[in-house]
Structures are given as structure tokens and as C-alpha cells.
């Protein structure tokens, strides 16, 4: 179940919010009725970012081994073509 809480409840209900996050569910916080932030466990955050970090590391290594640089248009044309 999606958990949505006003940001004002963060301090007063931190133990409850922590239990929700520890159980594997993110908590969405609102401010003045609009989405403001999401609280995730470290494990959930790592799941979202680990592959991106790995790909960025690969790109850094490839760039260090080559003098070739691509323009923005070249990168996105290659991406859009599925290569």
C-alpha cells in the first residue's frame, strides 16, 4: 500500500515511518499538498542506483582509454537507434 504523509509528520511520527521503510515500502512526503520527497531504505536506494553507478564507472574507464569524444547529438542518436 502506498504510504503518503505530510512532511509535518516526519518528526512526530519518525518511528512509524521508519517501520514502514524497514518493511520495504517507500514513504512519500507532501508539502502543502504536493509531493516533496520520498524516504527509502538504503537497500531500496542501492537497488535503484547500483546499475547506474556501474555504467558510469564503465563510461569513465572507456573515456580514459580513448581520445574520441561524442557530441550530445551523437550520443542520443546512438541511444535512440538502440545500438
PDB file of N, CA and C in Angstrom:
ATOM      1  N   UNK A   1       0.847  -1.186   0.000  1.00  0.00           N
ATOM      2  CA  UNK A   1       0.000   0.000   0.000  1.00  0.00           C
ATOM      3  C   UNK A   1       0.888   1.243   0.000  1.00  0.00           C
ATOM      4  N   UNK A   2       0.565   2.195  -0.828  1.00  0.00           N
ATOM      5  CA  UNK A   2       1.336   3.430  -0.901  1.00  0.00           C
ATOM      6  C   UNK A   2       1.131   4.230   0.383  1.00  0.00           C
ATOM      7  N   UNK A   3       2.229   4.678   0.949  1.00  0.00           N
ATOM      8  CA  UNK A   3       2.183   5.479   2.176  1.00  0.00           C
ATOM      9  C   UNK A   3       2.482   6.935   1.831  1.00  0.00           C
ATOM     10  N   UNK A   4       1.516   7.803   2.031  1.00  0.00           N
ATOM     11  CA  UNK A   4       1.673   9.231   1.774  1.00  0.00           C
ATOM     12  C   UNK A   4       1.424   9.962   3.083  1.00  0.00           C
ATOM     13  N   UNK A   5       2.387  10.783   3.465  1.00  0.00           N
ATOM     14  CA  UNK A   5       2.299  11.514   4.738  1.00  0.00           C
ATOM     15  C   UNK A   5       2.678  12.967   4.511  1.00  0.00           C
ATOM     16  N   UNK A   6       2.061  13.888   5.261  1.00  0.00           N
ATOM     17  CA  UNK A   6       2.533  15.274   5.201  1.00  0.00           C
ATOM     18  C   UNK A   6       3.924  15.365   5.837  1.00  0.00           C
ATOM     19  N   UNK A   7       4.758  16.211   5.292  1.00  0.00           N
ATOM     20  CA  UNK A   7       6.122  16.355   5.801  1.00  0.00           C
ATOM     21  C   UNK A   7       6.124  16.783   7.265  1.00  0.00           C
ATOM     22  N   UNK A   8       5.061  17.449   7.698  1.00  0.00           N
ATOM     23  CA  UNK A   8       4.968  17.884   9.094  1.00  0.00           C
ATOM     24  C   UNK A   8       4.928  16.699  10.060  1.00  0.00           C
ATOM     25  N   UNK A   9       4.546  15.514   9.587  1.00  0.00           N
ATOM     26  CA  UNK A   9       4.501  14.336  10.440  1.00  0.00           C
ATOM     27  C   UNK A   9       5.866  13.661  10.596  1.00  0.00           C
ATOM     28  N   UNK A  10       6.833  14.093   9.863  1.00  0.00           N
ATOM     29  CA  UNK A  10       8.127  13.422   9.869  1.00  0.00           C
ATOM     30  C   UNK A  10       8.733  13.346  11.263  1.00  0.00           C
ATOM     31  N   UNK A  11       8.823  14.442  11.955  1.00  0.00           N
ATOM     32  CA  UNK A  11       9.441  14.445  13.291  1.00  0.00           C
ATOM     33  C   UNK A  11       8.573  13.746  14.321  1.00  0.00           C
ATOM     34  N   UNK A  12       7.279  14.001  14.288  1.00  0.00           N
ATOM     35  CA  UNK A  12       6.380  13.433  15.297  1.00  0.00           C
ATOM     36  C   UNK A  12       6.188  11.934  15.127  1.00  0.00           C
ATOM     37  N   UNK A  13       6.279  11.433  13.909  1.00  0.00           N
ATOM     38  CA  UNK A  13       5.982  10.027  13.640  1.00  0.00           C
ATOM     39  C   UNK A  13       7.169   9.281  13.040  1.00  0.00           C
ATOM     40  N   UNK A  14       8.360   9.697  13.364  1.00  0.00           N
ATOM     41  CA  UNK A  14       9.542   9.064  12.786  1.00  0.00           C
ATOM     42  C   UNK A  14       9.597   7.558  13.046  1.00  0.00           C
ATOM     43  N   UNK A  15       9.309   7.074  14.255  1.00  0.00           N
ATOM     44  CA  UNK A  15       9.342   5.615  14.458  1.00  0.00           C
ATOM     45  C   UNK A  15       8.367   4.859  13.546  1.00  0.00           C
ATOM     46  N   UNK A  16       7.174   5.400  13.351  1.00  0.00           N
ATOM     47  CA  UNK A  16       6.191   4.759  12.459  1.00  0.00           C
ATOM     48  C   UNK A  16       6.684   4.761  11.019  1.00  0.00           C
ATOM     49  N   UNK A  17       7.213   5.890  10.582  1.00  0.00           N
ATOM     50  CA  UNK A  17       7.730   5.992   9.222  1.00  0.00           C
ATOM     51  C   UNK A  17       8.917   5.046   9.031  1.00  0.00           C
ATOM     52  N   UNK A  18       9.761   4.971  10.040  1.00  0.00           N
ATOM     53  CA  UNK A  18      10.914   4.066   9.973  1.00  0.00           C
ATOM     54  C   UNK A  18      10.464   2.609   9.839  1.00  0.00           C
ATOM     55  N   UNK A  19       9.419   2.209  10.545  1.00  0.00           N
ATOM     56  CA  UNK A  19       8.890   0.843  10.449  1.00  0.00           C
ATOM     57  C   UNK A  19       8.388   0.552   9.033  1.00  0.00           C
ATOM     58  N   UNK A  20       7.708   1.518   8.437  1.00  0.00           N
ATOM     59  CA  UNK A  20       7.187   1.350   7.074  1.00  0.00           C
ATOM     60  C   UNK A  20       8.330   1.152   6.097  1.00  0.00           C
ATOM     61  N   UNK A  21       9.353   1.997   6.218  1.00  0.00           N
ATOM     62  CA  UNK A  21      10.512   1.922   5.325  1.00  0.00           C
ATOM     63  C   UNK A  21      11.280   0.626   5.551  1.00  0.00           C
ATOM     64  N   UNK A  22      11.466   0.241   6.807  1.00  0.00           N
ATOM     65  CA  UNK A  22      12.168  -1.004   7.122  1.00  0.00           C
ATOM     66  C   UNK A  22      11.428  -2.226   6.585  1.00  0.00           C
ATOM     67  N   UNK A  23      10.108  -2.120   6.452  1.00  0.00           N
ATOM     68  CA  UNK A  23       9.307  -3.223   5.906  1.00  0.00           C
ATOM     69  C   UNK A  23       9.387  -3.281   4.382  1.00  0.00           C
ATOM     70  N   UNK A  24      10.106  -2.336   3.772  1.00  0.00           N
ATOM     71  CA  UNK A  24      10.314  -2.376   2.326  1.00  0.00           C
ATOM     72  C   UNK A  24       9.452  -1.448   1.507  1.00  0.00           C
ATOM     73  N   UNK A  25       8.661  -0.607   2.154  1.00  0.00           N
ATOM     74  CA  UNK A  25       7.816   0.333   1.418  1.00  0.00           C
ATOM     75  C   UNK A  25       8.379   1.741   1.506  1.00  0.00           C
ATOM     76  N   UNK A  26       8.416   2.452   0.397  1.00  0.00           N
ATOM     77  CA  UNK A  26       8.824   3.848   0.473  1.00  0.00           C
ATOM     78  C   UNK A  26       7.707   4.691   1.101  1.00  0.00           C
ATOM     79  N   UNK A  27       8.065   5.816   1.663  1.00  0.00           N
ATOM     80  CA  UNK A  27       7.085   6.757   2.215  1.00  0.00           C
ATOM     81  C   UNK A  27       7.195   8.048   1.418  1.00  0.00           C
ATOM     82  N   UNK A  28       6.083   8.457   0.845  1.00  0.00           N
ATOM     83  CA  UNK A  28       6.026   9.688   0.061  1.00  0.00           C
ATOM     84  C   UNK A  28       5.601  10.818   0.983  1.00  0.00           C
ATOM     85  N   UNK A  29       6.374  11.893   0.990  1.00  0.00           N
ATOM     86  CA  UNK A  29       6.057  13.043   1.838  1.00  0.00           C
ATOM     87  C   UNK A  29       5.538  14.189   0.980  1.00  0.00           C
ATOM     88  N   UNK A  30       4.535  14.867   1.507  1.00  0.00           N
ATOM     89  CA  UNK A  30       3.967  16.010   0.801  1.00  0.00           C
ATOM     90  C   UNK A  30       4.202  17.289   1.591  1.00  0.00           C
ATOM     91  N   UNK A  31       4.228  18.377   0.877  1.00  0.00           N
ATOM     92  CA  UNK A  31       4.335  19.702   1.495  1.00  0.00           C
ATOM     93  C   UNK A  31       3.300  20.585   0.811  1.00  0.00           C
ATOM     94  N   UNK A  32       2.399  21.131   1.608  1.00  0.00           N
ATOM     95  CA  UNK A  32       1.298  21.949   1.084  1.00  0.00           C
ATOM     96  C   UNK A  32       0.484  21.193   0.029  1.00  0.00           C
ATOM     97  N   UNK A  33       0.344  19.887   0.239  1.00  0.00           N
ATOM     98  CA  UNK A  33      -0.470  19.081  -0.660  1.00  0.00           C
ATOM     99  C   UNK A  33       0.218  18.588  -1.913  1.00  0.00           C
ATOM    100  N   UNK A  34       1.484  18.908  -2.087  1.00  0.00           N
ATOM    101  CA  UNK A  34       2.223  18.493  -3.277  1.00  0.00           C
ATOM    102  C   UNK A  34       3.377  17.581  -2.875  1.00  0.00           C
ATOM    103  N   UNK A  35       3.736  16.660  -3.759  1.00  0.00           N
ATOM    104  CA  UNK A  35       4.854  15.772  -3.498  1.00  0.00           C
ATOM    105  C   UNK A  35       6.127  16.553  -3.227  1.00  0.00           C
ATOM    106  N   UNK A  36       6.843  16.158  -2.166  1.00  0.00           N
ATOM    107  CA  UNK A  36       8.070  16.860  -1.800  1.00  0.00           C
ATOM    108  C   UNK A  36       9.290  15.952  -1.827  1.00  0.00           C
ATOM    109  N   UNK A  37       9.142  14.717  -1.299  1.00  0.00           N
ATOM    110  CA  UNK A  37      10.279  13.795  -1.261  1.00  0.00           C
ATOM    111  C   UNK A  37       9.791  12.393  -0.964  1.00  0.00           C
ATOM    112  N   UNK A  38      10.715  11.451  -1.119  1.00  0.00           N
ATOM    113  CA  UNK A  38      10.437  10.050  -0.832  1.00  0.00           C
ATOM    114  C   UNK A  38      11.511   9.544   0.117  1.00  0.00           C
ATOM    115  N   UNK A  39      11.093   8.781   1.118  1.00  0.00           N
ATOM    116  CA  UNK A  39      12.042   8.158   2.033  1.00  0.00           C
ATOM    117  C   UNK A  39      12.139   6.685   1.653  1.00  0.00           C
ATOM    118  N   UNK A  40      13.380   6.222   1.404  1.00  0.00           N
ATOM    119  CA  UNK A  40      13.651   4.837   1.041  1.00  0.00           C
ATOM    120  C   UNK A  40      14.666   4.254   2.005  1.00  0.00           C
ATOM    121  N   UNK A  41      14.657   2.937   2.119  1.00  0.00           N
ATOM    122  CA  UNK A  41      15.733   2.288   2.860  1.00  0.00           C
ATOM    123  C   UNK A  41      17.009   2.369   2.017  1.00  0.00           C
ATOM    124  N   UNK A  42      18.140   2.168   2.653  1.00  0.00           N
ATOM    125  CA  UNK A  42      19.402   2.162   1.910  1.00  0.00           C
ATOM    126  C   UNK A  42      19.417   1.054   0.867  1.00  0.00           C
ATOM    127  N   UNK A  43      18.824  -0.081   1.195  1.00  0.00           N
ATOM    128  CA  UNK A  43      18.767  -1.194   0.253  1.00  0.00           C
ATOM    129  C   UNK A  43      17.952  -0.827  -0.985  1.00  0.00           C
ATOM    130  N   UNK A  44      16.807  -0.187  -0.785  1.00  0.00           N
ATOM    131  CA  UNK A  44      15.982   0.234  -1.918  1.00  0.00           C
ATOM    132  C   UNK A  44      16.715   1.256  -2.776  1.00  0.00           C
ATOM    133  N   UNK A  45      17.379   2.189  -2.128  1.00  0.00           N
ATOM    134  CA  UNK A  45      18.126   3.208  -2.866  1.00  0.00           C
ATOM    135  C   UNK A  45      19.242   2.558  -3.685  1.00  0.00           C
ATOM    136  N   UNK A  46      19.949   1.605  -3.077  1.00  0.00           N
ATOM    137  CA  UNK A  46      21.032   0.908  -3.776  1.00  0.00           C
ATOM    138  C   UNK A  46      20.493   0.155  -4.993  1.00  0.00           C
ATOM    139  N   UNK A  47      19.335  -0.484  -4.849  1.00  0.00           N
ATOM    140  CA  UNK A  47      18.729  -1.187  -5.986  1.00  0.00           C
ATOM    141  C   UNK A  47      18.476  -0.238  -7.154  1.00  0.00           C
ATOM    142  N   UNK A  48      18.092   0.984  -6.850  1.00  0.00           N
ATOM    143  CA  UNK A  48      17.799   1.961  -7.895  1.00  0.00           C
ATOM    144  C   UNK A  48      19.048   2.535  -8.539  1.00  0.00           C
ATOM    145  N   UNK A  49      20.144   2.616  -7.783  1.00  0.00           N
ATOM    146  CA  UNK A  49      21.308   3.350  -8.271  1.00  0.00           C
ATOM    147  C   UNK A  49      22.530   2.503  -8.614  1.00  0.00           C
ATOM    148  N   UNK A  50      22.613   1.265  -8.134  1.00  0.00           N
ATOM    149  CA  UNK A  50      23.823   0.466  -8.346  1.00  0.00           C
ATOM    150  C   UNK A  50      24.163   0.276  -9.817  1.00  0.00           C
ATOM    151  N   UNK A  51      23.185  -0.070 -10.636  1.00  0.00           N
ATOM    152  CA  UNK A  51      23.460  -0.297 -12.052  1.00  0.00           C
ATOM    153  C   UNK A  51      23.899   0.995 -12.741  1.00  0.00           C
ATOM    154  N   UNK A  52      23.293   2.100 -12.366  1.00  0.00           N
ATOM    155  CA  UNK A  52      23.675   3.392 -12.941  1.00  0.00           C
ATOM    156  C   UNK A  52      25.122   3.716 -12.584  1.00  0.00           C
ATOM    157  N   UNK A  53      25.487   3.519 -11.323  1.00  0.00           N
ATOM    158  CA  UNK A  53      26.862   3.771 -10.883  1.00  0.00           C
ATOM    159  C   UNK A  53      27.840   2.886 -11.649  1.00  0.00           C
ATOM    160  N   UNK A  54      27.487   1.614 -11.849  1.00  0.00           N
ATOM    161  CA  UNK A  54      28.340   0.686 -12.583  1.00  0.00           C
ATOM    162  C   UNK A  54      28.534   1.167 -14.017  1.00  0.00           C
ATOM    163  N   UNK A  55      27.450   1.568 -14.675  1.00  0.00           N
ATOM    164  CA  UNK A  55      27.532   2.049 -16.061  1.00  0.00           C
ATOM    165  C   UNK A  55      28.352   3.335 -16.158  1.00  0.00           C
ATOM    166  N   UNK A  56      28.209   4.227 -15.187  1.00  0.00           N
ATOM    167  CA  UNK A  56      29.011   5.456 -15.194  1.00  0.00           C
ATOM    168  C   UNK A  56      30.493   5.142 -15.010  1.00  0.00           C
ATOM    169  N   UNK A  57      30.811   4.176 -14.144  1.00  0.00           N
ATOM    170  CA  UNK A  57      32.201   3.756 -13.973  1.00  0.00           C
ATOM    171  C   UNK A  57      32.765   3.175 -15.266  1.00  0.00           C
ATOM    172  N   UNK A  58      31.963   2.356 -15.955  1.00  0.00           N
ATOM    173  CA  UNK A  58      32.382   1.797 -17.245  1.00  0.00           C
ATOM    174  C   UNK A  58      32.647   2.910 -18.259  1.00  0.00           C
ATOM    175  N   UNK A  59      31.772   3.896 -18.290  1.00  0.00           N
ATOM    176  CA  UNK A  59      31.930   5.010 -19.229  1.00  0.00           C
ATOM    177  C   UNK A  59      33.189   5.817 -18.914  1.00  0.00           C
ATOM    178  N   UNK A  60      33.465   6.029 -17.638  1.00  0.00           N
ATOM    179  CA  UNK A  60      34.686   6.748 -17.247  1.00  0.00           C
ATOM    180  C   UNK A  60      35.934   5.999 -17.699  1.00  0.00           C
ATOM    181  N   UNK A  61      35.931   4.674 -17.523  1.00  0.00           N
ATOM    182  CA  UNK A  61      37.087   3.860 -17.936  1.00  0.00           C
ATOM    183  C   UNK A  61      37.266   3.900 -19.449  1.00  0.00           C
ATOM    184  N   UNK A  62      36.154   3.778 -20.185  1.00  0.00           N
ATOM    185  CA  UNK A  62      36.227   3.826 -21.647  1.00  0.00           C
ATOM    186  C   UNK A  62      36.725   5.182 -22.128  1.00  0.00           C
ATOM    187  N   UNK A  63      36.270   6.246 -21.491  1.00  0.00           N
ATOM    188  CA  UNK A  63      36.700   7.596 -21.877  1.00  0.00           C
ATOM    189  C   UNK A  63      38.184   7.791 -21.601  1.00  0.00           C
ATOM    190  N   UNK A  64      38.690   7.196 -20.531  1.00  0.00           N
ATOM    191  CA  UNK A  64      40.109   7.328 -20.196  1.00  0.00           C
ATOM    192  C   UNK A  64      40.996   6.613 -21.210  1.00  0.00           C
ATOM    193  N   UNK A  65      40.462   5.608 -21.893  1.00  0.00           N
ATOM    194  CA  UNK A  65      41.245   4.827 -22.850  1.00  0.00           C
ATOM    195  C   UNK A  65      41.148   5.352 -24.280  1.00  0.00           C
ATOM    196  N   UNK A  66      40.336   6.374 -24.500  1.00  0.00           N
ATOM    197  CA  UNK A  66      40.110   6.867 -25.854  1.00  0.00           C
ATOM    198  C   UNK A  66      40.156   8.392 -25.887  1.00  0.00           C
ATOM    199  N   UNK A  67      40.639   8.897 -27.019  1.00  0.00           N
ATOM    200  CA  UNK A  67      40.638  10.353 -27.221  1.00  0.00           C
ATOM    201  C   UNK A  67      39.350  10.811 -27.906  1.00  0.00           C
ATOM    202  N   UNK A  68      38.559   9.881 -28.408  1.00  0.00           N
ATOM    203  CA  UNK A  68      37.334  10.230 -29.126  1.00  0.00           C
ATOM    204  C   UNK A  68      36.289  10.763 -28.155  1.00  0.00           C
ATOM    205  N   UNK A  69      35.675  11.848 -28.523  1.00  0.00           N
ATOM    206  CA  UNK A  69      34.593  12.432 -27.748  1.00  0.00           C
ATOM    207  C   UNK A  69      33.393  12.588 -28.669  1.00  0.00           C
ATOM    208  N   UNK A  70      32.225  12.316 -28.137  1.00  0.00           N
ATOM    209  CA  UNK A  70      30.998  12.396 -28.932  1.00  0.00           C
ATOM    210  C   UNK A  70      30.198  13.622 -28.518  1.00  0.00           C
ATOM    211  N   UNK A  71      29.504  14.188 -29.489  1.00  0.00           N
ATOM    212  CA  UNK A  71      28.626  15.311 -29.187  1.00  0.00           C
ATOM    213  C   UNK A  71      27.335  14.773 -28.562  1.00  0.00           C
ATOM    214  N   UNK A  72      26.599  15.667 -27.986  1.00  0.00           N
ATOM    215  CA  UNK A  72      25.293  15.329 -27.407  1.00  0.00           C
ATOM    216  C   UNK A  72      24.414  14.640 -28.450  1.00  0.00           C
ATOM    217  N   UNK A  73      24.369  15.204 -29.656  1.00  0.00           N
ATOM    218  CA  UNK A  73      23.531  14.636 -30.720  1.00  0.00           C
ATOM    219  C   UNK A  73      23.980  13.232 -31.104  1.00  0.00           C
ATOM    220  N   UNK A  74      25.287  12.984 -31.152  1.00  0.00           N
ATOM    221  CA  UNK A  74      25.793  11.654 -31.488  1.00  0.00           C
ATOM    222  C   UNK A  74      25.396  10.624 -30.426  1.00  0.00           C
ATOM    223  N   UNK A  75      25.515  11.017 -29.171  1.00  0.00           N
ATOM    224  CA  UNK A  75      25.177  10.094 -28.084  1.00  0.00           C
ATOM    225  C   UNK A  75      23.705   9.719 -28.155  1.00  0.00           C
ATOM    226  N   UNK A  76      22.834  10.697 -28.286  1.00  0.00           N
ATOM    227  CA  UNK A  76      21.413  10.405 -28.262  1.00  0.00           C
ATOM    228  C   UNK A  76      20.931   9.747 -29.551  1.00  0.00           C
ATOM    229  N   UNK A  77      21.563  10.031 -30.685  1.00  0.00           N
ATOM    230  CA  UNK A  77      21.213   9.325 -31.926  1.00  0.00           C
ATOM    231  C   UNK A  77      21.561   7.849 -31.797  1.00  0.00           C
ATOM    232  N   UNK A  78      22.709   7.566 -31.183  1.00  0.00           N
ATOM    233  CA  UNK A  78      23.127   6.181 -30.951  1.00  0.00           C
ATOM    234  C   UNK A  78      22.156   5.500 -29.986  1.00  0.00           C
ATOM    235  N   UNK A  79      21.768   6.184 -28.947  1.00  0.00           N
ATOM    236  CA  UNK A  79      20.827   5.639 -27.960  1.00  0.00           C
ATOM    237  C   UNK A  79      19.467   5.348 -28.586  1.00  0.00           C
ATOM    238  N   UNK A  80      18.970   6.300 -29.372  1.00  0.00           N
ATOM    239  CA  UNK A  80      17.649   6.145 -29.986  1.00  0.00           C
ATOM    240  C   UNK A  80      17.623   5.023 -31.009  1.00  0.00           C
ATOM    241  N   UNK A  81      18.755   4.752 -31.648  1.00  0.00           N
ATOM    242  CA  UNK A  81      18.806   3.676 -32.640  1.00  0.00           C
ATOM    243  C   UNK A  81      18.919   2.307 -31.986  1.00  0.00           C
ATOM    244  N   UNK A  82      19.175   2.279 -30.676  1.00  0.00           N
ATOM    245  CA  UNK A  82      19.247   1.010 -29.953  1.00  0.00           C
ATOM    246  C   UNK A  82      20.592   0.336 -30.030  1.00  0.00           C
ATOM    247  N   UNK A  83      21.607   1.030 -30.473  1.00  0.00           N
ATOM    248  CA  UNK A  83      22.951   0.436 -30.593  1.00  0.00           C
ATOM    249  C   UNK A  83      23.642   0.428 -29.248  1.00  0.00           C
TER     250      UNK A  83
END
